[in-house]
């Protein structure tokens, strides 16, 4: 399977999580590490994503993906909220659970991924999973997984 920047963004998430671009119009992904390479800062608590990133970086040597484990769920959200409030240290990509998307959309903290052509991936997902990342006509994450839910 060939990996493109769009596909690695789609892969950076974990079970029942999504990967929205968590930037308030920042241009961090356009920054360089001094070698002229594009640096993409990712906050994720799933360390399995590093394997995907290694494959991607091998095929795209001008891009460096840097991971930060800012904690899971509420711990990461606290750090993310602090970075957003401060206006610095905001990751380019952050792992966010489905239920948290509307909060960040309402604050204007997430980019609408429809602007990046992600709608073409709709058929890869079940309707429920796909709809979990859509809010008010915008798409604010790429689903990665969906676990079964049951009530006993």
Protein backbone atom coordinates (compact mmCIF):
# COMPACT_ATOMS: atom_id res chain seq x y z
CA UNK A 1 0.00 0.00 0.00
CA UNK A 2 1.35 3.42 -0.91
CA UNK A 3 1.22 6.07 1.79
CA UNK A 4 0.59 9.71 1.02
CA UNK A 5 0.45 12.58 3.49
CA UNK A 6 -3.33 12.31 3.45
CA UNK A 7 -3.17 8.61 4.24
CA UNK A 8 -0.74 9.01 7.14
CA UNK A 9 -3.02 11.66 8.58
CA UNK A 10 -5.87 9.20 8.23
CA UNK A 11 -3.85 6.48 9.97
CA UNK A 12 -2.80 8.53 12.99
CA UNK A 13 -5.47 7.47 15.45
CA UNK A 14 -6.56 4.49 17.49
CA UNK A 15 -9.58 2.49 18.57
CA UNK A 16 -12.63 4.70 18.71
CA UNK A 17 -10.43 7.76 18.17
CA UNK A 18 -10.11 10.21 15.36
CA UNK A 19 -7.37 12.34 14.00
CA UNK A 20 -8.36 15.91 13.48
CA UNK A 21 -5.95 18.64 12.59
CA UNK A 22 -5.82 20.40 15.92
CA UNK A 23 -4.57 23.73 14.77
CA UNK A 24 -6.14 27.15 15.08
CA UNK A 25 -4.82 28.25 11.73
CA UNK A 26 -1.25 27.55 12.79
CA UNK A 27 1.39 26.69 10.24
CA UNK A 28 3.42 24.33 12.39
CA UNK A 29 3.32 21.63 9.70
CA UNK A 30 5.11 24.09 7.43
CA UNK A 31 8.00 24.47 9.83
CA UNK A 32 11.37 22.87 9.30
CA UNK A 33 13.72 21.01 11.60
CA UNK A 34 16.69 22.95 10.20
CA UNK A 35 17.36 20.37 7.49
CA UNK A 36 14.63 21.69 5.23
CA UNK A 37 12.30 18.81 6.10
CA UNK A 38 8.66 19.45 6.95
CA UNK A 39 7.90 18.57 10.56
CA UNK A 40 4.46 17.28 11.52
CA UNK A 41 3.81 17.27 15.28
CA UNK A 42 1.41 14.55 16.40
CA UNK A 43 -0.11 14.09 19.84
CA UNK A 44 -1.31 10.52 20.28
CA UNK A 45 -1.52 8.01 23.08
CA UNK A 46 -1.40 4.99 20.77
CA UNK A 47 2.25 4.06 20.27
CA UNK A 48 1.35 1.70 17.41
CA UNK A 49 1.09 4.73 15.16
CA UNK A 50 4.85 5.11 15.18
CA UNK A 51 5.19 2.05 12.92
CA UNK A 52 2.89 3.66 10.33
CA UNK A 53 4.85 6.89 10.57
CA UNK A 54 8.17 5.08 10.00
CA UNK A 55 6.87 3.51 6.80
CA UNK A 56 5.50 6.87 5.67
CA UNK A 57 8.74 8.75 6.45
CA UNK A 58 10.80 6.14 4.61
CA UNK A 59 8.70 6.76 1.50
CA UNK A 60 8.58 10.52 2.10
CA UNK A 61 12.06 11.49 3.32
CA UNK A 62 11.28 15.23 3.32
CA UNK A 63 8.70 14.82 6.09
CA UNK A 64 9.45 14.14 9.75
CA UNK A 65 6.64 13.02 12.05
CA UNK A 66 7.30 13.78 15.71
CA UNK A 67 5.14 12.08 18.31
CA UNK A 68 4.26 13.35 21.77
CA UNK A 69 2.28 11.29 24.24
CA UNK A 70 0.41 14.05 26.06
CA UNK A 71 -1.53 11.45 28.01
CA UNK A 72 -4.78 9.78 27.13
CA UNK A 73 -8.22 11.27 26.86
CA UNK A 74 -8.75 13.90 29.57
CA UNK A 75 -5.01 14.38 30.20
CA UNK A 76 -4.38 15.16 26.55
CA UNK A 77 -7.46 17.37 26.33
CA UNK A 78 -6.20 19.41 29.27
CA UNK A 79 -2.81 19.85 27.56
CA UNK A 80 -4.48 20.59 24.23
CA UNK A 81 -6.81 23.16 25.78
CA UNK A 82 -3.83 24.83 27.48
CA UNK A 83 -1.89 24.97 24.18
CA UNK A 84 -4.90 26.35 22.33
CA UNK A 85 -5.49 28.98 25.01
CA UNK A 86 -1.82 29.98 24.99
CA UNK A 87 -1.70 30.02 21.19
CA UNK A 88 1.54 28.03 21.10
CA UNK A 89 2.64 24.44 21.32
CA UNK A 90 -0.44 23.31 19.38
CA UNK A 91 0.09 20.00 17.55
CA UNK A 92 -0.59 19.68 13.85
CA UNK A 93 -2.48 16.44 14.49
CA UNK A 94 -4.08 15.27 17.73
CA UNK A 95 -5.82 12.06 18.67
CA UNK A 96 -9.29 13.00 19.86
CA UNK A 97 -12.22 10.78 20.74
CA UNK A 98 -15.47 11.09 18.83
CA UNK A 99 -17.42 12.64 21.71
CA UNK A 100 -14.93 15.52 22.05
CA UNK A 101 -15.09 16.72 18.44
CA UNK A 102 -18.08 19.08 18.82
CA UNK A 103 -16.40 20.88 21.73
CA UNK A 104 -13.34 21.69 19.64
CA UNK A 105 -15.37 22.52 16.53
CA UNK A 106 -17.51 25.00 18.46
CA UNK A 107 -14.33 26.68 19.76
CA UNK A 108 -13.01 26.93 16.20
CA UNK A 109 -10.00 24.78 17.11
CA UNK A 110 -10.25 22.17 14.33
CA UNK A 111 -9.81 22.53 10.61
CA UNK A 112 -12.53 21.31 8.30
CA UNK A 113 -10.93 18.37 6.53
CA UNK A 114 -13.36 18.67 3.63
CA UNK A 115 -10.99 21.40 2.44
CA UNK A 116 -8.30 18.71 2.01
CA UNK A 117 -10.31 16.25 -0.09
CA UNK A 118 -11.01 13.73 2.64
CA UNK A 119 -14.58 13.15 1.45
CA UNK A 120 -13.18 10.68 -1.09
CA UNK A 121 -12.51 8.26 1.79
CA UNK A 122 -16.17 8.06 2.84
CA UNK A 123 -16.73 4.63 1.30
CA UNK A 124 -13.93 3.17 3.45
CA UNK A 125 -16.07 3.58 6.60
CA UNK A 126 -19.40 2.50 7.99
CA UNK A 127 -22.02 5.28 8.09
CA UNK A 128 -21.99 5.49 11.90
CA UNK A 129 -18.23 5.86 12.10
CA UNK A 130 -18.14 8.38 9.26
CA UNK A 131 -20.95 10.44 10.76
CA UNK A 132 -19.17 10.56 14.12
CA UNK A 133 -16.54 12.89 12.63
CA UNK A 134 -18.96 15.13 10.74
CA UNK A 135 -20.44 18.13 12.49
CA UNK A 136 -22.61 20.86 10.96
CA UNK A 137 -21.63 19.82 7.44
CA UNK A 138 -17.90 19.80 8.14
CA UNK A 139 -15.58 16.86 8.56
CA UNK A 140 -13.26 17.26 11.54
CA UNK A 141 -11.45 13.94 11.80
CA UNK A 142 -10.53 10.74 10.08
CA UNK A 143 -11.99 7.69 11.80
CA UNK A 144 -9.49 4.94 12.39
CA UNK A 145 -11.41 2.32 14.25
CA UNK A 146 -14.76 1.66 15.78
CA UNK A 147 -15.39 -0.84 18.51
CA UNK A 148 -18.61 -2.71 19.03
CA UNK A 149 -20.86 -1.37 21.75
CA UNK A 150 -23.47 -3.32 23.65
CA UNK A 151 -25.81 -2.70 26.51
CA UNK A 152 -26.61 -5.61 28.80
